């Protein structure tokens, strides 16, 4: 049973303390990133900036040992791919034990591709942390706190010189998103420590006088509802402070190992907030997708928090895309539901991470980018390094993506620069 613990501070204390978060993004982020972004009047001009809104540098040492037991609900191909990532020799080849080298591999792939086009854009990579400790059984080699310490220590350095001769300052390149799990009793405290300077209860030294995080990452299939009361409070603050949220809306490659879960629920009775818990059973793949991943869960969030910047990552998994290609008008597919969410809610986005490896998906995405109702809300993201076990490595896959947009370069610009900028740095 995955039980839902109480938070270490009260809801009211959380909401009161959150008022200390600066309302303007430019007042939250520190130098040199602030000047790198806000002082550049050419930033959103063609070939001047490139954003990957969905990447990871957490290593396989941050993954709980029970993860390998969860592969019974994924396709045979996904199972082969994930087992390859966990293979010691293959993970050593990809440097998957070293977060710095993981991110350097991605920077190198993009830099080579830019060099092929004779451009040198500013590169921004959203680095999404993952808090998997409560959702998956078995201890990781390094816990979530250590994962964050390694991520923040990385920001102090720079990449090696790339074969092109360029070197990238991590502080100017990496945009960290904090992973929040409402089943972590310190979720409130981690959030406040991440976004308030000189407020730090985590024990992470790098947070003592800095607030380096740009956004929040959620992964509901690790065992919580998108409507969890803790998250509702966090959505409220994120809406007020223009903090973007990226949530997993894809498949079940990563999911909770627990069959019974306590789900948080909130009601308003006689004007008072009443939080409760109820037990649910996760007995099948379809049940898990319905509880944790259905994009329509986010409909209630988007209605309650209309100014919240929300990214529904992946547009659904491989299975959902196959269903969509068979019947694009089927309202039950996650792809269709994500499209409808984007149509109805002006601050809902969708990134194409992982799903863009498939040619049929890329063709459809390019077509959607030519439709006014979608073209300003679709984001480019890679899902690196999880894509490294696909048929094509990241650089080759990215080049194929560029080829799909060769005849519509202005849509490529929207997807890789303007839209991500608005999602991450845009003010209400």
Foldseek 3Di string as FASTA:
>chain_A
DQEFDAAPDDLVVLLVLLVQFDQALLVQADPPQSCLPPVDPCQLPPLAEFEAAAAALQAQLAPFPQLLVQCPFDDPVLNVLVVQCVDPVSVVVCVRVASLSQVLVVVLLVVVLCVVVPGDHQAAYEYEQDQLDSQADHGGNDHSLVSVLSVLVQQVAKHPQHPVRDIGRSVNHYAYAAEADSSPSHRSQVVSLQRHACRHDSPRPSSRGHNRHQAHEYEQQSAEACQAPVNLSVQVSCLSRVHAYEYEQAAVSDHGPDQKGWYKDWDQDPNDIDIDTDIDGDDHRVSSCVRGHQCCSCVVVCVVRLSHQYEHEQLYYPVLVVVCVVPVPPCRRSNNVLLVVLLPGVRYAYENEPVLLDPVVLLVVLVQCVDVSHLQGYAYHHHPPSCCSDPDHDSVSVVSSVVSCVVPSVSVSNHTGVNVCCSRNNRD
